[in-house]
Amino acid sequence: MKRILLASALALAATGAHAQNVTLYGILDTGIEYVNHANAQGDATWRMPSNTGGLMPSRWGLRGTEDLGNGLKALFTLESGFGVDTGVSGQGGRLFGRAAWVGLSGNWGTVTLGRQSNMTFFALLDSDVMGPAVYGLGSLDNYIPNTRSDNAIGYRGTFSGLTVGATYSFGRDVAASGGPAATNCAGEVPGDRKACRQVTALLKYDLGPGGVAAAYDQLRGGTGAAGGLSSSDTSDTRTVLNGYYRFGDLKIGGGWIGRITRAATRSEANLYYLGASYALSPAWTLDGQVAHLKNKTTDARSTLATVRATYSLSKRTAVYGLVGYMDNNKNANLSVSGGQALAGLPNGLNQTGVMLGMRHSF
């Protein structure tokens, strides 16, 4: 009898193990960066960037699926961002600041609940050649590497190459400190349904070697929120149009991001980008991108040019080098690294950044 019970228990355990799959994964990415014009005296600095990485931000996570039968699956992701330089958690110090959601998936698409990437992330995924790299589009708009929403319900489905999706957040950002990844807008305020609400939508079509995408992203403000969005009547809206195409080993991507901010004052800006990626060999990849940001309200204009070379030592390990140059006009003051203003430095100052680093995934 004991043998029968033990065999039954082992059979049940084995069945459970096959029914649910959990994966531990992660990326460690860091390097040494040189940036000129780093202070009011015009001095350069050498540093190890925090929380950004060179190719992509460092993270670790757990991803799981459970087969519920009849094509239905339960899903979850817990993902934590951190800086390899100090080990400090990113995204405003949250334990799972990159993702913390649970959902259901079927042939009709996927529904997710929790902190998750919104549709702006998915719209930029193929056309933005540099992605979340240290001298990428985030240097012109620091929201772009932080396209996540707290307290959100999301849907995304793909049907014969056409992808549709949307998210709705009841309170887009509960963290209070940490730059663009923590803007103090928790929402869920009784009597003010608009407070800290965020709505995003996606329409994307991929066919063969290319595709196009469009997205809409509106953040509402709330009491005490950062970025001048101090009430639910204020808003920050981005519209995205882009596309990409592959010619064998060459990929070209580009697009436009229009932004309208309605806060104490109205601001309107356009961001254009065009990039290319070429696989020189199975190990070597060369990327380049040019992006231009113009604030139509203030006539502030910044142009960012970036070149990157990556050498894959294996499927999981790569070394790389990046060079970025930020050209600011007399009304602009953006840093080449990190998308922040050049604190204490005059408008019109240009900046160059160089980074050598290493990425390992597991």
Protein backbone atom coordinates (compact mmCIF):
# COMPACT_ATOMS: atom_id res chain seq x y z
CA MET A 1 0.00 0.00 0.00
CA LYS A 2 2.83 2.43 0.89
CA ARG A 3 4.49 1.73 -2.45
CA ILE A 4 1.22 2.39 -4.28
CA LEU A 5 0.72 5.71 -2.43
CA LEU A 6 4.32 6.76 -3.09
CA ALA A 7 4.01 5.91 -6.78
CA SER A 8 0.76 7.88 -6.99
CA ALA A 9 2.36 10.92 -5.33
CA LEU A 10 5.32 10.80 -7.70
CA ALA A 11 2.98 10.52 -10.68
CA LEU A 12 0.98 13.56 -9.52
CA ALA A 13 4.18 15.55 -8.97
CA ALA A 14 5.44 14.62 -12.42
CA THR A 15 2.11 15.62 -13.97
CA GLY A 16 2.26 19.00 -12.21
CA ALA A 17 5.84 19.57 -13.35
CA HIS A 18 4.86 19.00 -16.99
CA ALA A 19 1.70 21.10 -16.69
CA GLN A 20 3.52 24.17 -15.39
CA ASN A 21 6.85 25.45 -16.75
CA VAL A 22 8.83 28.11 -14.89
CA THR A 23 11.98 29.69 -16.34
CA LEU A 24 14.62 31.70 -14.52
CA TYR A 25 16.35 34.14 -16.87
CA GLY A 26 18.38 37.32 -16.85
CA ILE A 27 20.84 39.73 -18.47
CA LEU A 28 23.91 41.36 -16.97
CA ASP A 29 25.16 44.30 -19.01
CA THR A 30 27.71 46.92 -18.00
CA GLY A 31 30.84 48.68 -19.16
CA ILE A 32 33.07 51.74 -18.88
CA GLU A 33 31.85 55.06 -20.28
CA TYR A 34 33.65 58.27 -21.20
CA VAL A 35 31.61 61.49 -21.49
CA ASN A 36 33.01 64.97 -22.21
CA HIS A 37 31.54 68.32 -21.08
CA ALA A 38 30.30 66.66 -17.89
CA ASN A 39 30.41 69.73 -15.60
CA ALA A 40 30.39 73.53 -15.66
CA GLN A 41 34.16 73.59 -16.11
CA GLY A 42 33.91 71.42 -19.22
CA ASP A 43 35.70 68.45 -17.66
CA ALA A 44 35.22 64.90 -18.91
CA THR A 45 34.29 61.93 -16.73
CA TRP A 46 34.91 58.19 -16.71
CA ARG A 47 32.17 56.09 -15.11
CA MET A 48 30.22 52.86 -15.02
CA PRO A 49 26.61 53.76 -15.93
CA SER A 50 23.97 52.77 -13.38
CA ASN A 51 20.80 50.84 -14.31
CA THR A 52 21.12 51.51 -18.04
CA GLY A 53 23.70 49.05 -19.31
CA GLY A 54 25.22 49.53 -22.75
CA LEU A 55 23.17 47.30 -25.05
CA MET A 56 20.22 46.80 -22.72
CA PRO A 57 19.31 47.22 -19.04
CA SER A 58 20.29 44.42 -16.66
CA ARG A 59 17.50 42.31 -15.22
CA TRP A 60 16.55 38.93 -13.79
CA GLY A 61 13.15 37.32 -13.78
CA LEU A 62 10.81 34.38 -13.57
CA ARG A 63 8.48 33.48 -16.41
CA GLY A 64 5.88 30.74 -16.19
CA THR A 65 3.09 29.05 -18.12
CA GLU A 66 0.48 26.49 -17.17
CA ASP A 67 -1.47 24.53 -19.76
CA LEU A 68 -5.15 24.66 -18.79
CA GLY A 69 -6.32 22.58 -21.74
CA ASN A 70 -8.31 23.39 -24.89
CA GLY A 71 -5.66 25.90 -26.02
CA LEU A 72 -5.93 28.00 -22.85
CA LYS A 73 -2.83 28.89 -20.81
CA ALA A 74 -2.16 30.77 -17.60
CA LEU A 75 0.92 33.03 -17.75
CA PHE A 76 2.98 35.14 -15.38
CA THR A 77 6.15 37.23 -15.42
CA LEU A 78 8.12 38.71 -12.53
CA GLU A 79 11.07 40.79 -13.71
CA SER A 80 13.48 42.88 -11.65
CA GLY A 81 15.80 45.55 -13.04
CA PHE A 82 19.07 46.44 -11.34
CA GLY A 83 22.39 48.15 -11.87
CA VAL A 84 25.41 45.85 -12.19
CA ASP A 85 27.64 48.68 -10.94
CA THR A 86 26.06 48.77 -7.46
CA GLY A 87 23.38 46.07 -7.37
CA VAL A 88 20.68 48.66 -6.63
CA SER A 89 17.15 47.92 -7.90
CA GLY A 90 15.97 50.04 -10.80
CA GLN A 91 12.57 51.52 -11.70
CA GLY A 92 12.36 53.58 -8.53
CA GLY A 93 13.70 50.85 -6.24
CA ARG A 94 10.92 48.33 -6.93
CA LEU A 95 11.61 44.63 -6.46
CA PHE A 96 9.87 43.71 -9.73
CA GLY A 97 9.98 47.09 -11.41
CA ARG A 98 10.22 45.80 -14.97
CA ALA A 99 7.23 43.47 -14.82
CA ALA A 100 4.80 41.88 -12.36
CA TRP A 101 1.76 40.48 -14.11
CA VAL A 102 -0.47 37.44 -14.48
CA GLY A 103 -2.68 36.57 -17.43
CA LEU A 104 -4.55 34.17 -19.68
CA SER A 105 -3.69 33.29 -23.27
CA GLY A 106 -5.60 31.55 -26.02
CA ASN A 107 -6.05 31.62 -29.79
CA TRP A 108 -7.96 34.87 -29.27
CA GLY A 109 -4.90 36.63 -27.77
CA THR A 110 -3.54 37.39 -24.29
CA VAL A 111 -5.04 39.32 -21.37
CA THR A 112 -2.67 40.49 -18.63
CA LEU A 113 -3.14 42.14 -15.23
CA GLY A 114 -0.47 44.03 -13.26
CA ARG A 115 2.64 46.11 -13.98
CA GLN A 116 3.48 45.54 -17.62
CA SER A 117 4.97 46.98 -20.79
CA ASN A 118 2.41 49.09 -22.59
CA MET A 119 1.74 49.37 -26.32
CA THR A 120 4.37 52.04 -26.99
CA PHE A 121 7.00 49.43 -26.13
CA PHE A 122 5.62 46.95 -28.66
CA ALA A 123 5.21 49.63 -31.34
CA LEU A 124 8.93 50.56 -31.16
CA LEU A 125 10.28 47.03 -30.82
CA ASP A 126 11.15 46.40 -34.49
CA SER A 127 11.79 49.86 -35.95
CA ASP A 128 14.10 51.25 -33.22
CA VAL A 129 17.49 49.78 -34.19
CA MET A 130 19.33 50.95 -31.06
CA GLY A 131 16.57 49.89 -28.65
CA PRO A 132 17.28 50.64 -24.97
CA ALA A 133 21.02 51.17 -25.59
CA VAL A 134 22.78 53.90 -23.62
CA TYR A 135 22.84 56.29 -26.63
CA GLY A 136 19.41 55.34 -27.96
CA LEU A 137 16.13 57.25 -28.30
CA GLY A 138 15.96 57.47 -24.50
CA SER A 139 18.60 60.21 -24.67
CA LEU A 140 16.04 62.39 -26.49
CA ASP A 141 12.93 61.25 -24.62
CA ASN A 142 13.60 59.43 -21.34
CA TYR A 143 10.07 57.99 -21.25
CA ILE A 144 10.87 55.66 -24.16
CA PRO A 145 12.96 53.13 -22.14
CA ASN A 146 10.30 53.26 -19.39
CA THR A 147 7.14 52.37 -21.29
CA ARG A 148 5.49 50.46 -18.43
CA SER A 149 2.25 50.95 -16.54
CA ASP A 150 1.27 50.02 -12.99
CA ASN A 151 -2.26 48.84 -12.10
CA ALA A 152 -2.92 47.94 -15.74
CA ILE A 153 -5.09 45.57 -17.69
CA GLY A 154 -3.74 44.72 -21.15
CA TYR A 155 -4.72 42.83 -24.27
CA ARG A 156 -2.65 41.83 -27.31
CA GLY A 157 -3.45 39.46 -30.15
CA THR A 158 -1.98 38.64 -33.56
CA PHE A 159 -4.12 37.45 -36.47
CA SER A 160 -2.53 36.72 -39.88
CA GLY A 161 0.21 39.29 -39.36
CA LEU A 162 -2.05 41.96 -37.85
CA THR A 163 -1.40 42.72 -34.16
CA VAL A 164 -3.87 44.74 -32.10
CA GLY A 165 -3.43 45.69 -28.48
CA ALA A 166 -4.35 48.09 -25.70
CA THR A 167 -3.67 48.79 -22.02
CA TYR A 168 -5.69 50.70 -19.45
CA SER A 169 -4.09 51.75 -16.18
CA PHE A 170 -6.05 52.88 -13.12
CA GLY A 171 -2.86 54.42 -11.66
CA ARG A 172 0.16 54.48 -13.93
CA ASP A 173 3.09 54.89 -11.51
CA VAL A 174 3.06 54.34 -7.73
CA ALA A 175 6.81 54.89 -7.16
CA ALA A 176 7.81 58.35 -5.96
CA SER A 177 11.52 58.59 -6.76
CA GLY A 178 13.86 57.34 -9.42
CA GLY A 179 13.64 59.68 -12.40
CA PRO A 180 11.51 58.82 -15.45
CA ALA A 181 10.83 55.32 -14.09
CA ALA A 182 9.10 56.67 -10.97
CA THR A 183 6.86 59.73 -11.37
CA ASN A 184 4.63 59.59 -8.26
CA CYS A 185 1.22 59.14 -9.85
CA ALA A 186 -0.53 56.31 -8.01
CA GLY A 187 -4.08 57.19 -9.04
CA GLU A 188 -7.10 55.13 -7.97
CA VAL A 189 -8.51 58.24 -6.31
CA PRO A 190 -12.19 58.12 -5.26
CA GLY A 191 -14.15 60.78 -7.09
CA ASP A 192 -11.44 61.40 -9.73
CA ARG A 193 -11.44 58.58 -12.25
CA LYS A 194 -8.99 60.40 -14.56
CA ALA A 195 -6.26 60.84 -11.94
CA CYS A 196 -3.05 59.12 -13.12
CA ARG A 197 -4.93 57.15 -15.76
CA GLN A 198 -2.98 55.86 -18.76
CA VAL A 199 -4.39 54.52 -22.01
CA THR A 200 -2.28 53.00 -24.80
CA ALA A 201 -3.30 51.34 -28.07
CA LEU A 202 -1.44 49.48 -30.82
CA LEU A 203 -2.04 48.55 -34.45
CA LYS A 204 0.83 46.66 -36.11
CA TYR A 205 1.13 44.75 -39.37
CA ASP A 206 4.03 42.44 -40.21
CA LEU A 207 4.32 40.73 -43.57
CA GLY A 208 7.41 38.87 -44.74
CA PRO A 209 10.56 40.97 -44.31
CA GLY A 210 8.89 44.18 -43.13
CA GLY A 211 6.16 45.81 -41.16
CA VAL A 212 4.53 49.03 -39.97
CA ALA A 213 3.15 50.08 -36.59
CA ALA A 214 1.06 52.84 -35.02
CA ALA A 215 0.47 53.54 -31.33
CA TYR A 216 -1.29 56.02 -29.08
CA ASP A 217 -0.19 56.70 -25.49
CA GLN A 218 -1.80 59.19 -23.09
CA LEU A 219 -0.71 59.73 -19.48
CA ARG A 220 -2.94 61.73 -17.14
CA GLY A 221 -1.60 63.67 -14.19
CA GLY A 222 -2.45 63.64 -10.51
CA THR A 223 -1.73 65.47 -7.28
CA GLY A 224 2.04 65.63 -6.69
CA ALA A 225 2.98 63.86 -9.93
CA ALA A 226 6.25 64.68 -11.67
CA GLY A 227 6.71 66.36 -15.03
CA GLY A 228 4.31 69.20 -14.34
CA LEU A 229 1.30 66.85 -14.50
CA SER A 230 -0.08 68.01 -11.18
CA SER A 231 -3.79 67.36 -11.78
CA SER A 232 -5.98 64.94 -13.70
CA ASP A 233 -6.78 67.70 -16.19
CA THR A 234 -3.15 67.68 -17.37
CA SER A 235 -1.87 65.12 -19.85
CA ASP A 236 1.14 63.94 -21.82
CA THR A 237 0.26 62.29 -25.15
CA ARG A 238 2.48 60.52 -27.68
CA THR A 239 1.56 59.24 -31.13
CA VAL A 240 3.89 56.75 -32.84
CA LEU A 241 4.19 55.85 -36.53
CA ASN A 242 7.04 53.68 -37.78
CA GLY A 243 8.19 50.83 -39.98
CA TYR A 244 11.05 48.46 -40.76
CA TYR A 245 12.28 46.31 -43.64
CA ARG A 246 14.92 43.57 -44.00
CA PHE A 247 17.13 43.18 -47.07
CA GLY A 248 18.91 39.91 -46.27
CA ASP A 249 21.43 40.72 -43.51
CA LEU A 250 20.52 44.42 -43.57
CA LYS A 251 17.64 45.83 -41.52
CA ILE A 252 16.41 49.43 -41.82
CA GLY A 253 13.98 51.01 -39.38
CA GLY A 254 12.63 54.48 -38.76
CA GLY A 255 9.70 56.47 -37.56
CA TRP A 256 8.10 59.47 -35.92
CA ILE A 257 6.95 60.17 -32.36
CA GLY A 258 4.73 63.20 -31.86
CA ARG A 259 4.27 64.52 -28.33
CA ILE A 260 1.80 67.03 -26.92
CA THR A 261 1.97 67.99 -23.24
CA ARG A 262 -0.92 69.90 -21.71
CA ALA A 263 0.23 71.07 -18.28
CA ALA A 264 0.71 74.59 -16.90
CA THR A 265 1.85 75.44 -20.42
CA ARG A 266 1.27 73.56 -23.65
CA SER A 267 4.28 71.96 -25.33
CA GLU A 268 4.53 70.19 -28.67
CA ALA A 269 7.51 68.20 -29.99
CA ASN A 270 8.40 65.85 -32.84
CA LEU A 271 11.01 63.08 -32.71
CA TYR A 272 12.24 61.48 -35.94
CA TYR A 273 14.65 58.54 -36.20
CA LEU A 274 16.26 56.38 -38.88
CA GLY A 275 18.61 53.48 -38.27
CA ALA A 276 20.21 50.44 -39.86
CA SER A 277 21.63 47.16 -38.60
CA TYR A 278 23.92 44.91 -40.62
CA ALA A 279 25.21 41.44 -39.74
CA LEU A 280 28.79 41.51 -41.03
CA SER A 281 29.26 37.87 -40.01
CA PRO A 282 27.67 35.40 -37.59
CA ALA A 283 29.67 37.08 -34.81
CA TRP A 284 29.89 40.75 -35.85
CA THR A 285 26.94 43.18 -36.01
CA LEU A 286 27.17 46.89 -36.87
CA ASP A 287 24.34 49.31 -36.00
CA GLY A 288 23.85 53.02 -36.60
CA GLN A 289 21.05 55.47 -35.97
CA VAL A 290 20.34 59.19 -36.31
CA ALA A 291 17.51 60.84 -34.38
CA HIS A 292 16.28 64.43 -34.24
CA LEU A 293 14.07 66.06 -31.62
CA LYS A 294 12.43 69.44 -32.17
CA ASN A 295 10.30 71.21 -29.56
CA LYS A 296 7.96 73.37 -31.63
CA THR A 297 7.08 75.49 -28.61
CA THR A 298 10.59 76.53 -27.55
CA ASP A 299 12.49 75.83 -30.82
CA ALA A 300 14.84 73.56 -28.85
CA ARG A 301 16.48 71.11 -31.26
CA SER A 302 18.78 68.16 -30.55
CA THR A 303 20.28 65.65 -32.96
CA LEU A 304 21.75 62.35 -31.78
CA ALA A 305 24.03 60.15 -33.91
CA THR A 306 25.07 56.70 -32.64
CA VAL A 307 27.25 53.89 -33.97
CA ARG A 308 27.55 50.49 -32.28
CA ALA A 309 29.64 47.37 -32.97
CA THR A 310 28.86 44.06 -31.23
CA TYR A 311 30.94 40.89 -31.22
CA SER A 312 29.24 37.70 -29.99
CA LEU A 313 31.63 35.43 -28.14
CA SER A 314 28.82 32.86 -27.83
CA LYS A 315 25.03 32.72 -27.94
CA ARG A 316 24.93 34.19 -24.44
CA THR A 317 27.98 36.46 -24.21
CA ALA A 318 28.93 39.53 -26.25
CA VAL A 319 31.31 42.48 -26.07
CA TYR A 320 30.50 45.82 -27.68
CA GLY A 321 31.50 49.40 -28.28
CA LEU A 322 29.29 52.47 -28.76
CA VAL A 323 29.95 56.06 -29.78
CA GLY A 324 27.26 58.71 -29.42
CA TYR A 325 27.24 62.43 -30.28
CA MET A 326 24.55 64.90 -29.14
CA ASP A 327 24.28 68.18 -31.06
CA ASN A 328 22.15 70.78 -29.21
CA ASN A 329 21.05 74.09 -30.69
CA LYS A 330 21.06 77.32 -28.66
CA ASN A 331 17.77 76.41 -26.93
CA ALA A 332 18.52 72.76 -26.14
CA ASN A 333 20.46 71.15 -23.30
CA LEU A 334 20.29 67.34 -23.52
CA SER A 335 22.97 64.88 -22.47
CA VAL A 336 24.09 62.17 -24.89
CA SER A 337 23.77 59.66 -22.03
CA GLY A 338 20.51 59.12 -20.19
CA GLY A 339 18.13 61.70 -21.60
CA GLN A 340 18.63 64.25 -18.82
CA ALA A 341 19.45 67.95 -19.09
CA LEU A 342 23.11 68.92 -18.74
CA ALA A 343 22.81 70.18 -15.16
CA GLY A 344 24.50 73.53 -14.59
CA LEU A 345 25.72 73.75 -18.18
CA PRO A 346 24.61 76.26 -20.82
CA ASN A 347 22.24 75.54 -23.69
CA GLY A 348 23.86 74.77 -27.03
CA LEU A 349 26.63 72.61 -25.56
CA ASN A 350 27.37 69.43 -27.51
CA GLN A 351 28.44 66.18 -25.89
CA THR A 352 30.23 62.99 -26.94
CA GLY A 353 30.01 59.61 -25.21
CA VAL A 354 32.01 56.43 -25.73
CA MET A 355 31.31 53.11 -24.01
CA LEU A 356 32.96 49.68 -24.06
CA GLY A 357 31.10 46.88 -22.34
CA MET A 358 30.02 43.28 -21.99
CA ARG A 359 26.65 41.54 -21.94
CA HIS A 360 25.88 38.07 -20.62
CA SER A 361 22.48 36.39 -20.58
CA PHE A 362 21.25 33.32 -18.76
